[in-house]
């Protein structure tokens, strides 16, 4: 499910594509993508 924040439809679509490619539900895909992005920032 798309989080309750302002995310562009293009970004949401990319996360949805990631979820489908990795056999994840949207919640798990958002968690992986956000965790990976936060790791890159540290």
Protein backbone atom coordinates (compact mmCIF):
# COMPACT_ATOMS: atom_id res chain seq x y z
CA UNK A 1 0.00 0.00 0.00
CA UNK A 2 1.25 3.46 -0.84
CA UNK A 3 2.23 5.37 2.32
CA UNK A 4 0.23 8.43 3.34
CA UNK A 5 2.79 10.87 2.01
CA UNK A 6 3.02 12.76 -1.25
CA UNK A 7 4.82 10.39 -3.62
CA UNK A 8 4.61 10.88 -7.35
CA UNK A 9 2.79 8.27 -9.36
CA UNK A 10 6.02 7.62 -11.27
CA UNK A 11 7.90 6.77 -8.06
CA UNK A 12 5.05 4.63 -6.80
CA UNK A 13 5.04 2.83 -10.14
CA UNK A 14 8.74 2.08 -9.82
CA UNK A 15 8.20 0.59 -6.35
CA UNK A 16 5.26 -1.42 -7.67
CA UNK A 17 7.44 -2.75 -10.52
CA UNK A 18 10.15 -3.63 -7.97
CA UNK A 19 7.58 -5.48 -5.87
CA UNK A 20 6.37 -7.50 -8.85
CA UNK A 21 9.90 -8.32 -10.01
CA UNK A 22 10.88 -9.57 -6.54
CA UNK A 23 7.59 -11.28 -5.65
CA UNK A 24 6.86 -8.87 -2.78
CA UNK A 25 3.74 -7.13 -1.61
CA UNK A 26 3.83 -3.33 -1.75
CA UNK A 27 4.45 -2.94 1.99
CA UNK A 28 7.52 -5.16 1.83
CA UNK A 29 8.76 -3.44 -1.33
CA UNK A 30 8.46 0.04 0.22
CA UNK A 31 10.27 -1.20 3.32
CA UNK A 32 13.15 -2.64 1.26
CA UNK A 33 13.46 0.40 -0.98
CA UNK A 34 13.37 2.87 1.91
CA UNK A 35 15.82 0.83 3.98
CA UNK A 36 18.24 0.57 1.07
CA UNK A 37 17.98 4.31 0.42
CA UNK A 38 18.55 5.15 4.07
CA UNK A 39 21.59 2.86 4.17
CA UNK A 40 23.02 4.77 1.20
CA UNK A 41 22.59 8.06 3.05
CA UNK A 42 24.59 6.94 6.08
